[in-house]
Amino acid sequence: MSGLDAARANVARYQAAQDPRPVSDDTKQFTLSKTLKPDWRPGDGASSDEWQAHAKVQIDPQDPSRAGFDNYKLLISAVVPRPIGFLSTVSQDGTRKNLAPFSFFQVVGQDPPTFVMSVSGGLKDTLNNLVETNEAVINIVSEWFVDAANYAAITSPPDVSEWVLTGLHPVPATKVRPELVAESAFNIEAKVVDVLDIKSPRSGSITAKMFVLEGIHFHAREDVLTNDKSALDLAKLKPVGRLGGISYCRVLDGFEIPRYDYAQQYQDEPKVPAIVDKN
């Protein structure tokens, strides 16, 4: 079977799985519900005892019988949902403009705004651009362009631009050379401040590179900001999360849990726990 035939077969299988599924309802709005145990109190533990009925299976990630991809499949299905780091980068000479989504991505600090993401496998265009320029734009992915963002993961040649393949629109950034994705409601201009090689304990070979990026400039769509401009309105942002396999998730339902102050709670027992609003 040729590569094109295999690709067509994959599309056919995907379509066959899609057909019986309900149509996505884009009229649904984000809502807040109660937690599973709204009357939970300190010391109550889990909201269900079901966990007691099941044994744990031990898995050694370095077991010689396990392939590297086994760990990948397990981890991306366990650490969920994950934010998507949709990065735009450009080569030093400006000729290679790249767009690529990464599910190994997270914000890790606020002063300065700091993010981490890792590049592995065959995603060398983004890696080369980051090494050459130390610059990127992180574009937060929302429902209205998730198909295009996903398509940017296609293994295209270096001289083929994902901007053209996806139909997304570039907008000049303010402080870095890579361009913003205009469709994204929140863009983060960033500079690379550190790079860590991730090596396999078994082979000693480099299996990924982790980049630490500092956010140096933000762009927020005006209608997605909250009234006081201090945050983004989740109901309007409509973010998309990454799950296992080829699955993604929408954010349509949430709940609120208070934070507690230990000193206030336990200095004078018995006492109602002091709730601290740290939003």
C-alpha atoms as a PDB file:
ATOM      1  CA  MET A   1       0.000   0.000   0.000  1.00  0.00           C
ATOM      2  CA  SER A   2       1.386   3.404  -0.983  1.00  0.00           C
ATOM      3  CA  GLY A   3       1.672   6.282   1.460  1.00  0.00           C
ATOM      4  CA  LEU A   4      -1.236   8.052  -0.229  1.00  0.00           C
ATOM      5  CA  ASP A   5      -3.398   4.922  -0.090  1.00  0.00           C
ATOM      6  CA  ALA A   6      -2.590   4.489   3.610  1.00  0.00           C
ATOM      7  CA  ALA A   7      -3.512   8.117   4.282  1.00  0.00           C
ATOM      8  CA  ARG A   8      -6.811   7.695   2.459  1.00  0.00           C
ATOM      9  CA  ALA A   9      -7.530   4.517   4.436  1.00  0.00           C
ATOM     10  CA  ASN A  10      -6.901   6.388   7.699  1.00  0.00           C
ATOM     11  CA  VAL A  11      -9.291   9.143   6.635  1.00  0.00           C
ATOM     12  CA  ALA A  12     -11.931   6.553   5.734  1.00  0.00           C
ATOM     13  CA  ARG A  13     -11.588   4.858   9.153  1.00  0.00           C
ATOM     14  CA  TYR A  14     -11.810   8.208  10.912  1.00  0.00           C
ATOM     15  CA  GLN A  15     -14.922   9.179   8.938  1.00  0.00           C
ATOM     16  CA  ALA A  16     -16.565   5.832   9.655  1.00  0.00           C
ATOM     17  CA  ALA A  17     -15.993   6.387  13.382  1.00  0.00           C
ATOM     18  CA  GLN A  18     -17.290   9.956  13.152  1.00  0.00           C
ATOM     19  CA  ASP A  19     -20.536   9.217  11.333  1.00  0.00           C
ATOM     20  CA  PRO A  20     -22.569   7.817  14.286  1.00  0.00           C
ATOM     21  CA  ARG A  21     -21.372  10.501  16.710  1.00  0.00           C
ATOM     22  CA  PRO A  22     -23.646  13.419  17.628  1.00  0.00           C
ATOM     23  CA  VAL A  23     -23.021  16.778  15.972  1.00  0.00           C
ATOM     24  CA  SER A  24     -20.990  19.188  18.088  1.00  0.00           C
ATOM     25  CA  ASP A  25     -23.296  21.715  19.722  1.00  0.00           C
ATOM     26  CA  ASP A  26     -21.570  25.089  19.509  1.00  0.00           C
ATOM     27  CA  THR A  27     -24.481  26.765  21.296  1.00  0.00           C
ATOM     28  CA  LYS A  28     -23.489  25.179  24.612  1.00  0.00           C
ATOM     29  CA  GLN A  29     -22.167  27.702  27.102  1.00  0.00           C
ATOM     30  CA  PHE A  30     -19.683  27.258  29.907  1.00  0.00           C
ATOM     31  CA  THR A  31     -21.454  26.565  33.209  1.00  0.00           C
ATOM     32  CA  LEU A  32     -20.435  26.044  36.826  1.00  0.00           C
ATOM     33  CA  SER A  33     -21.822  23.043  38.694  1.00  0.00           C
ATOM     34  CA  LYS A  34     -21.421  21.634  42.186  1.00  0.00           C
ATOM     35  CA  THR A  35     -18.564  19.258  42.970  1.00  0.00           C
ATOM     36  CA  LEU A  36     -19.265  15.536  43.433  1.00  0.00           C
ATOM     37  CA  LYS A  37     -19.352  16.146  47.196  1.00  0.00           C
ATOM     38  CA  PRO A  38     -20.354  19.778  47.835  1.00  0.00           C
ATOM     39  CA  ASP A  39     -20.530  19.139  51.597  1.00  0.00           C
ATOM     40  CA  TRP A  40     -16.903  17.880  51.741  1.00  0.00           C
ATOM     41  CA  ARG A  41     -15.040  18.832  54.906  1.00  0.00           C
ATOM     42  CA  PRO A  42     -11.329  18.595  55.842  1.00  0.00           C
ATOM     43  CA  GLY A  43     -10.437  14.985  56.583  1.00  0.00           C
ATOM     44  CA  ASP A  44     -13.252  13.475  54.484  1.00  0.00           C
ATOM     45  CA  GLY A  45     -10.868  12.059  51.875  1.00  0.00           C
ATOM     46  CA  ALA A  46     -12.109  10.907  48.480  1.00  0.00           C
ATOM     47  CA  SER A  47     -15.703  11.455  47.417  1.00  0.00           C
ATOM     48  CA  SER A  48     -16.050   7.779  46.477  1.00  0.00           C
ATOM     49  CA  ASP A  49     -14.685   4.484  47.862  1.00  0.00           C
ATOM     50  CA  GLU A  50     -14.523   2.819  44.436  1.00  0.00           C
ATOM     51  CA  TRP A  51     -10.723   3.059  44.432  1.00  0.00           C
ATOM     52  CA  GLN A  52     -10.573   0.447  47.217  1.00  0.00           C
ATOM     53  CA  ALA A  53     -11.988  -2.247  44.912  1.00  0.00           C
ATOM     54  CA  HIS A  54      -9.154  -2.146  42.399  1.00  0.00           C
ATOM     55  CA  ALA A  55      -5.513  -3.220  42.530  1.00  0.00           C
ATOM     56  CA  LYS A  56      -2.657  -1.168  41.060  1.00  0.00           C
ATOM     57  CA  VAL A  57      -0.619  -2.500  38.125  1.00  0.00           C
ATOM     58  CA  GLN A  58       3.085  -1.691  38.374  1.00  0.00           C
ATOM     59  CA  ILE A  59       4.797  -0.432  35.216  1.00  0.00           C
ATOM     60  CA  ASP A  60       8.528   0.144  34.831  1.00  0.00           C
ATOM     61  CA  PRO A  61       9.023   2.790  32.117  1.00  0.00           C
ATOM     62  CA  GLN A  62      12.556   1.470  31.492  1.00  0.00           C
ATOM     63  CA  ASP A  63      11.537  -2.177  31.135  1.00  0.00           C
ATOM     64  CA  PRO A  64      13.515  -3.515  28.117  1.00  0.00           C
ATOM     65  CA  SER A  65      10.345  -5.047  26.693  1.00  0.00           C
ATOM     66  CA  ARG A  66       8.692  -1.620  26.467  1.00  0.00           C
ATOM     67  CA  ALA A  67       9.206   0.555  23.414  1.00  0.00           C
ATOM     68  CA  GLY A  68       9.534   4.317  23.797  1.00  0.00           C
ATOM     69  CA  PHE A  69       6.177   4.761  22.130  1.00  0.00           C
ATOM     70  CA  ASP A  70       4.554   2.657  24.874  1.00  0.00           C
ATOM     71  CA  ASN A  71       5.457   5.302  27.440  1.00  0.00           C
ATOM     72  CA  TYR A  72       4.215   8.023  25.109  1.00  0.00           C
ATOM     73  CA  LYS A  73       0.799   6.406  24.701  1.00  0.00           C
ATOM     74  CA  LEU A  74       0.476   5.811  28.433  1.00  0.00           C
ATOM     75  CA  LEU A  75       1.511   9.313  29.482  1.00  0.00           C
ATOM     76  CA  ILE A  76      -0.604  11.278  27.025  1.00  0.00           C
ATOM     77  CA  SER A  77      -3.665   9.312  28.131  1.00  0.00           C
ATOM     78  CA  ALA A  78      -2.893   9.782  31.850  1.00  0.00           C
ATOM     79  CA  VAL A  79      -1.740  13.386  32.139  1.00  0.00           C
ATOM     80  CA  VAL A  80      -4.937  14.978  30.840  1.00  0.00           C
ATOM     81  CA  PRO A  81      -6.185  17.389  29.821  1.00  0.00           C
ATOM     82  CA  ARG A  82      -3.070  19.234  28.652  1.00  0.00           C
ATOM     83  CA  PRO A  83      -2.868  22.730  27.202  1.00  0.00           C
ATOM     84  CA  ILE A  84      -1.712  22.979  23.598  1.00  0.00           C
ATOM     85  CA  GLY A  85       1.411  24.988  22.867  1.00  0.00           C
ATOM     86  CA  PHE A  86       0.741  26.204  19.346  1.00  0.00           C
ATOM     87  CA  LEU A  87       4.050  27.772  18.355  1.00  0.00           C
ATOM     88  CA  SER A  88       4.911  30.010  15.442  1.00  0.00           C
ATOM     89  CA  THR A  89       8.625  30.281  14.692  1.00  0.00           C
ATOM     90  CA  VAL A  90      10.850  31.548  11.897  1.00  0.00           C
ATOM     91  CA  SER A  91      14.389  30.788  10.743  1.00  0.00           C
ATOM     92  CA  GLN A  92      17.237  33.267  11.147  1.00  0.00           C
ATOM     93  CA  ASP A  93      17.084  34.297   7.477  1.00  0.00           C
ATOM     94  CA  GLY A  94      13.293  34.570   7.552  1.00  0.00           C
ATOM     95  CA  THR A  95      12.720  31.990   4.809  1.00  0.00           C
ATOM     96  CA  ARG A  96      11.298  29.141   6.925  1.00  0.00           C
ATOM     97  CA  LYS A  97       8.118  30.133   8.754  1.00  0.00           C
ATOM     98  CA  ASN A  98       6.745  27.302  10.849  1.00  0.00           C
ATOM     99  CA  LEU A  99       3.548  26.541  12.766  1.00  0.00           C
ATOM    100  CA  ALA A 100       3.286  23.480  15.001  1.00  0.00           C
ATOM    101  CA  PRO A 101       1.149  22.311  17.969  1.00  0.00           C
ATOM    102  CA  PHE A 102       2.809  20.732  21.025  1.00  0.00           C
ATOM    103  CA  SER A 103       0.989  18.859  23.771  1.00  0.00           C
ATOM    104  CA  PHE A 104       4.048  18.753  26.056  1.00  0.00           C
ATOM    105  CA  PHE A 105       3.602  22.383  27.104  1.00  0.00           C
ATOM    106  CA  GLN A 106       2.800  24.319  30.273  1.00  0.00           C
ATOM    107  CA  VAL A 107       3.086  27.663  32.078  1.00  0.00           C
ATOM    108  CA  VAL A 108       5.384  27.315  35.113  1.00  0.00           C
ATOM    109  CA  GLY A 109       5.837  30.832  36.502  1.00  0.00           C
ATOM    110  CA  GLN A 110       4.490  34.381  36.444  1.00  0.00           C
ATOM    111  CA  ASP A 111       7.420  36.673  37.350  1.00  0.00           C
ATOM    112  CA  PRO A 112       8.703  36.597  34.747  1.00  0.00           C
ATOM    113  CA  PRO A 113       6.015  34.747  32.763  1.00  0.00           C
ATOM    114  CA  THR A 114       7.706  31.391  32.104  1.00  0.00           C
ATOM    115  CA  PHE A 115       6.694  28.435  29.949  1.00  0.00           C
ATOM    116  CA  VAL A 116       8.170  25.040  29.111  1.00  0.00           C
ATOM    117  CA  MET A 117       7.676  22.930  26.006  1.00  0.00           C
ATOM    118  CA  SER A 118       9.515  19.981  24.526  1.00  0.00           C
ATOM    119  CA  VAL A 119      10.305  19.026  20.966  1.00  0.00           C
ATOM    120  CA  SER A 120      10.762  15.364  20.083  1.00  0.00           C
ATOM    121  CA  GLY A 121      10.426  13.026  17.150  1.00  0.00           C
ATOM    122  CA  GLY A 122      10.684  14.534  13.679  1.00  0.00           C
ATOM    123  CA  LEU A 123       9.585  18.089  14.527  1.00  0.00           C
ATOM    124  CA  LYS A 124      12.889  19.560  13.449  1.00  0.00           C
ATOM    125  CA  ASP A 125      11.622  22.746  11.779  1.00  0.00           C
ATOM    126  CA  THR A 126      10.450  24.252  15.068  1.00  0.00           C
ATOM    127  CA  LEU A 127      13.562  23.009  16.862  1.00  0.00           C
ATOM    128  CA  ASN A 128      15.917  24.514  14.276  1.00  0.00           C
ATOM    129  CA  ASN A 129      14.071  27.829  14.279  1.00  0.00           C
ATOM    130  CA  LEU A 130      14.119  28.054  18.087  1.00  0.00           C
ATOM    131  CA  VAL A 131      17.843  27.286  18.200  1.00  0.00           C
ATOM    132  CA  GLU A 132      18.598  29.847  15.463  1.00  0.00           C
ATOM    133  CA  THR A 133      16.534  32.775  16.733  1.00  0.00           C
ATOM    134  CA  ASN A 134      15.631  31.996  20.381  1.00  0.00           C
ATOM    135  CA  GLU A 135      12.176  33.429  19.622  1.00  0.00           C
ATOM    136  CA  ALA A 136       8.608  32.111  19.304  1.00  0.00           C
ATOM    137  CA  VAL A 137       4.978  33.076  19.647  1.00  0.00           C
ATOM    138  CA  ILE A 138       2.720  30.842  21.743  1.00  0.00           C
ATOM    139  CA  ASN A 139      -0.823  30.969  20.347  1.00  0.00           C
ATOM    140  CA  ILE A 140      -3.572  29.695  22.645  1.00  0.00           C
ATOM    141  CA  VAL A 141      -5.907  27.324  20.773  1.00  0.00           C
ATOM    142  CA  SER A 142      -9.689  27.831  20.840  1.00  0.00           C
ATOM    143  CA  GLU A 143     -12.517  25.787  19.363  1.00  0.00           C
ATOM    144  CA  TRP A 144     -12.994  27.990  16.322  1.00  0.00           C
ATOM    145  CA  PHE A 145      -9.628  27.085  14.780  1.00  0.00           C
ATOM    146  CA  VAL A 146      -8.650  23.757  16.385  1.00  0.00           C
ATOM    147  CA  ASP A 147      -8.932  21.882  13.053  1.00  0.00           C
ATOM    148  CA  ALA A 148      -6.415  24.216  11.454  1.00  0.00           C
ATOM    149  CA  ALA A 149      -4.082  24.025  14.470  1.00  0.00           C
ATOM    150  CA  ASN A 150      -4.223  20.242  14.369  1.00  0.00           C
ATOM    151  CA  TYR A 151      -3.452  20.203  10.636  1.00  0.00           C
ATOM    152  CA  ALA A 152      -0.269  22.174  11.320  1.00  0.00           C
ATOM    153  CA  ALA A 153       1.169  18.961  12.825  1.00  0.00           C
ATOM    154  CA  ILE A 154       1.399  17.468   9.318  1.00  0.00           C
ATOM    155  CA  THR A 155       4.916  16.307   8.428  1.00  0.00           C
ATOM    156  CA  SER A 156       5.474  18.777   5.609  1.00  0.00           C
ATOM    157  CA  PRO A 157       8.895  19.558   4.055  1.00  0.00           C
ATOM    158  CA  PRO A 158      10.829  22.512   5.541  1.00  0.00           C
ATOM    159  CA  ASP A 159      10.119  24.682   2.500  1.00  0.00           C
ATOM    160  CA  VAL A 160       6.334  24.199   2.783  1.00  0.00           C
ATOM    161  CA  SER A 161       4.636  26.719   5.065  1.00  0.00           C
ATOM    162  CA  GLU A 162       1.978  25.536   7.510  1.00  0.00           C
ATOM    163  CA  TRP A 163       0.484  29.035   7.272  1.00  0.00           C
ATOM    164  CA  VAL A 164      -0.562  28.203   3.712  1.00  0.00           C
ATOM    165  CA  LEU A 165      -1.590  24.613   4.477  1.00  0.00           C
ATOM    166  CA  THR A 166      -3.830  25.591   7.393  1.00  0.00           C
ATOM    167  CA  GLY A 167      -5.263  28.829   6.011  1.00  0.00           C
ATOM    168  CA  LEU A 168      -4.420  30.660   9.246  1.00  0.00           C
ATOM    169  CA  HIS A 169      -3.453  34.331   9.074  1.00  0.00           C
ATOM    170  CA  PRO A 170      -0.097  35.757  10.244  1.00  0.00           C
ATOM    171  CA  VAL A 171       0.084  39.123  12.012  1.00  0.00           C
ATOM    172  CA  PRO A 172       3.382  40.913  12.820  1.00  0.00           C
ATOM    173  CA  ALA A 173       4.480  40.592  16.449  1.00  0.00           C
ATOM    174  CA  THR A 174       5.708  43.553  18.503  1.00  0.00           C
ATOM    175  CA  LYS A 175       8.993  42.326  20.015  1.00  0.00           C
ATOM    176  CA  VAL A 176       9.906  39.069  18.221  1.00  0.00           C
ATOM    177  CA  ARG A 177      10.326  37.993  14.612  1.00  0.00           C
ATOM    178  CA  PRO A 178       7.791  35.123  14.437  1.00  0.00           C
ATOM    179  CA  GLU A 179       4.253  36.207  13.598  1.00  0.00           C
ATOM    180  CA  LEU A 180       1.086  35.860  15.660  1.00  0.00           C
ATOM    181  CA  VAL A 181      -1.795  33.605  14.645  1.00  0.00           C
ATOM    182  CA  ALA A 182      -4.526  36.203  14.098  1.00  0.00           C
ATOM    183  CA  GLU A 183      -7.282  33.697  14.875  1.00  0.00           C
ATOM    184  CA  SER A 184      -5.939  33.073  18.387  1.00  0.00           C
ATOM    185  CA  ALA A 185      -7.561  35.106  21.179  1.00  0.00           C
ATOM    186  CA  PHE A 186      -4.371  35.163  23.263  1.00  0.00           C
ATOM    187  CA  ASN A 187      -0.817  35.277  21.938  1.00  0.00           C
ATOM    188  CA  ILE A 188       2.394  35.247  23.943  1.00  0.00           C
ATOM    189  CA  GLU A 189       5.574  36.621  22.400  1.00  0.00           C
ATOM    190  CA  ALA A 190       8.428  34.668  23.953  1.00  0.00           C
ATOM    191  CA  LYS A 191      12.201  34.293  24.067  1.00  0.00           C
ATOM    192  CA  VAL A 192      14.139  31.092  24.809  1.00  0.00           C
ATOM    193  CA  VAL A 193      16.058  31.420  28.084  1.00  0.00           C
ATOM    194  CA  ASP A 194      17.258  27.828  28.525  1.00  0.00           C
ATOM    195  CA  VAL A 195      17.407  24.490  26.718  1.00  0.00           C
ATOM    196  CA  LEU A 196      17.666  21.048  28.326  1.00  0.00           C
ATOM    197  CA  ASP A 197      18.560  17.859  26.488  1.00  0.00           C
ATOM    198  CA  ILE A 198      16.370  14.920  27.582  1.00  0.00           C
ATOM    199  CA  LYS A 199      18.331  11.668  27.298  1.00  0.00           C
ATOM    200  CA  SER A 200      17.173   8.067  27.339  1.00  0.00           C
ATOM    201  CA  PRO A 201      18.546   6.161  30.378  1.00  0.00           C
ATOM    202  CA  ARG A 202      18.774   3.058  28.200  1.00  0.00           C
ATOM    203  CA  SER A 203      20.560   4.358  25.125  1.00  0.00           C
ATOM    204  CA  GLY A 204      21.994   7.659  26.324  1.00  0.00           C
ATOM    205  CA  SER A 205      20.702   9.292  23.146  1.00  0.00           C
ATOM    206  CA  ILE A 206      18.850  12.614  23.142  1.00  0.00           C
ATOM    207  CA  THR A 207      15.141  11.882  22.756  1.00  0.00           C
ATOM    208  CA  ALA A 208      13.807  15.422  23.180  1.00  0.00           C
ATOM    209  CA  LYS A 209      14.796  19.003  23.862  1.00  0.00           C
ATOM    210  CA  MET A 210      12.974  21.006  26.508  1.00  0.00           C
ATOM    211  CA  PHE A 211      12.827  24.751  25.955  1.00  0.00           C
ATOM    212  CA  VAL A 212      12.232  27.252  28.729  1.00  0.00           C
ATOM    213  CA  LEU A 213      10.597  30.374  27.304  1.00  0.00           C
ATOM    214  CA  GLU A 214       9.998  33.756  28.863  1.00  0.00           C
ATOM    215  CA  GLY A 215       6.837  35.580  27.832  1.00  0.00           C
ATOM    216  CA  ILE A 216       7.796  39.168  27.014  1.00  0.00           C
ATOM    217  CA  HIS A 217       4.624  40.533  25.428  1.00  0.00           C
ATOM    218  CA  PHE A 218       0.929  39.546  25.376  1.00  0.00           C
ATOM    219  CA  HIS A 219      -1.889  40.096  22.882  1.00  0.00           C
ATOM    220  CA  ALA A 220      -5.465  39.542  24.124  1.00  0.00           C
ATOM    221  CA  ARG A 221      -8.615  39.883  22.049  1.00  0.00           C
ATOM    222  CA  GLU A 222     -10.633  42.682  23.651  1.00  0.00           C
ATOM    223  CA  ASP A 223     -13.962  40.839  23.768  1.00  0.00           C
ATOM    224  CA  VAL A 224     -12.434  37.787  25.479  1.00  0.00           C
ATOM    225  CA  LEU A 225     -11.053  39.774  28.426  1.00  0.00           C
ATOM    226  CA  THR A 226     -13.049  39.981  31.644  1.00  0.00           C
ATOM    227  CA  ASN A 227     -14.672  43.325  32.491  1.00  0.00           C
ATOM    228  CA  ASP A 228     -11.743  44.421  34.665  1.00  0.00           C
ATOM    229  CA  LYS A 229      -9.239  43.318  31.956  1.00  0.00           C
ATOM    230  CA  SER A 230      -7.328  41.186  34.498  1.00  0.00           C
ATOM    231  CA  ALA A 231      -8.065  37.768  32.994  1.00  0.00           C
ATOM    232  CA  LEU A 232      -9.671  35.920  30.105  1.00  0.00           C
ATOM    233  CA  ASP A 233     -13.333  34.902  30.173  1.00  0.00           C
ATOM    234  CA  LEU A 234     -13.346  31.114  29.851  1.00  0.00           C
ATOM    235  CA  ALA A 235     -16.809  31.082  28.288  1.00  0.00           C
ATOM    236  CA  LYS A 236     -15.551  33.330  25.487  1.00  0.00           C
ATOM    237  CA  LEU A 237     -12.058  31.859  25.109  1.00  0.00           C
ATOM    238  CA  LYS A 238     -13.484  28.358  24.496  1.00  0.00           C
ATOM    239  CA  PRO A 239     -10.098  26.673  25.028  1.00  0.00           C
ATOM    240  CA  VAL A 240      -9.275  23.219  23.726  1.00  0.00           C
ATOM    241  CA  GLY A 241      -7.330  20.621  25.707  1.00  0.00           C
ATOM    242  CA  ARG A 242      -5.292  17.665  24.498  1.00  0.00           C
ATOM    243  CA  LEU A 243      -6.199  14.124  25.538  1.00  0.00           C
ATOM    244  CA  GLY A 244      -4.786  10.699  24.627  1.00  0.00           C
ATOM    245  CA  GLY A 245      -4.540   9.348  21.105  1.00  0.00           C
ATOM    246  CA  ILE A 246      -6.079  11.808  18.640  1.00  0.00           C
ATOM    247  CA  SER A 247      -8.639  13.074  21.154  1.00  0.00           C
ATOM    248  CA  TYR A 248      -9.216  16.657  22.263  1.00  0.00           C
ATOM    249  CA  CYS A 249     -11.623  18.142  24.808  1.00  0.00           C
ATOM    250  CA  ARG A 250     -13.773  21.238  25.108  1.00  0.00           C
ATOM    251  CA  VAL A 251     -14.195  23.136  28.377  1.00  0.00           C
ATOM    252  CA  LEU A 252     -17.933  23.439  28.956  1.00  0.00           C
ATOM    253  CA  ASP A 253     -18.428  22.597  32.614  1.00  0.00           C
ATOM    254  CA  GLY A 254     -16.500  23.510  35.740  1.00  0.00           C
ATOM    255  CA  PHE A 255     -16.793  23.758  39.499  1.00  0.00           C
ATOM    256  CA  GLU A 256     -15.226  25.895  42.199  1.00  0.00           C
ATOM    257  CA  ILE A 257     -13.364  24.645  45.278  1.00  0.00           C
ATOM    258  CA  PRO A 258     -12.261  27.016  48.062  1.00  0.00           C
ATOM    259  CA  ARG A 259      -8.683  27.332  49.247  1.00  0.00           C
ATOM    260  CA  TYR A 260      -7.991  27.144  52.968  1.00  0.00           C
ATOM    261  CA  ASP A 261      -5.561  28.873  55.297  1.00  0.00           C
ATOM    262  CA  TYR A 262      -3.966  26.423  57.728  1.00  0.00           C
ATOM    263  CA  ALA A 263      -3.062  28.939  60.424  1.00  0.00           C
ATOM    264  CA  GLN A 264      -6.526  30.452  60.517  1.00  0.00           C
ATOM    265  CA  GLN A 265      -8.202  27.062  60.414  1.00  0.00           C
ATOM    266  CA  TYR A 266      -6.306  25.348  63.229  1.00  0.00           C
ATOM    267  CA  GLN A 267      -5.282  28.097  65.646  1.00  0.00           C
ATOM    268  CA  ASP A 268      -8.564  27.935  67.518  1.00  0.00           C
ATOM    269  CA  GLU A 269     -10.326  24.543  67.207  1.00  0.00           C
ATOM    270  CA  PRO A 270     -13.082  23.901  66.515  1.00  0.00           C
ATOM    271  CA  LYS A 271     -13.395  26.553  63.847  1.00  0.00           C
ATOM    272  CA  VAL A 272     -14.949  26.855  60.409  1.00  0.00           C
ATOM    273  CA  PRO A 273     -12.094  26.729  57.848  1.00  0.00           C
ATOM    274  CA  ALA A 274     -11.100  30.143  56.593  1.00  0.00           C
ATOM    275  CA  ILE A 275     -11.617  30.404  52.846  1.00  0.00           C
ATOM    276  CA  VAL A 276      -8.949  32.329  50.987  1.00  0.00           C
ATOM    277  CA  ASP A 277      -9.784  33.776  47.581  1.00  0.00           C
ATOM    278  CA  LYS A 278      -6.608  33.496  45.515  1.00  0.00           C
ATOM    279  CA  ASN A 279      -8.104  33.704  42.023  1.00  0.00           C
END
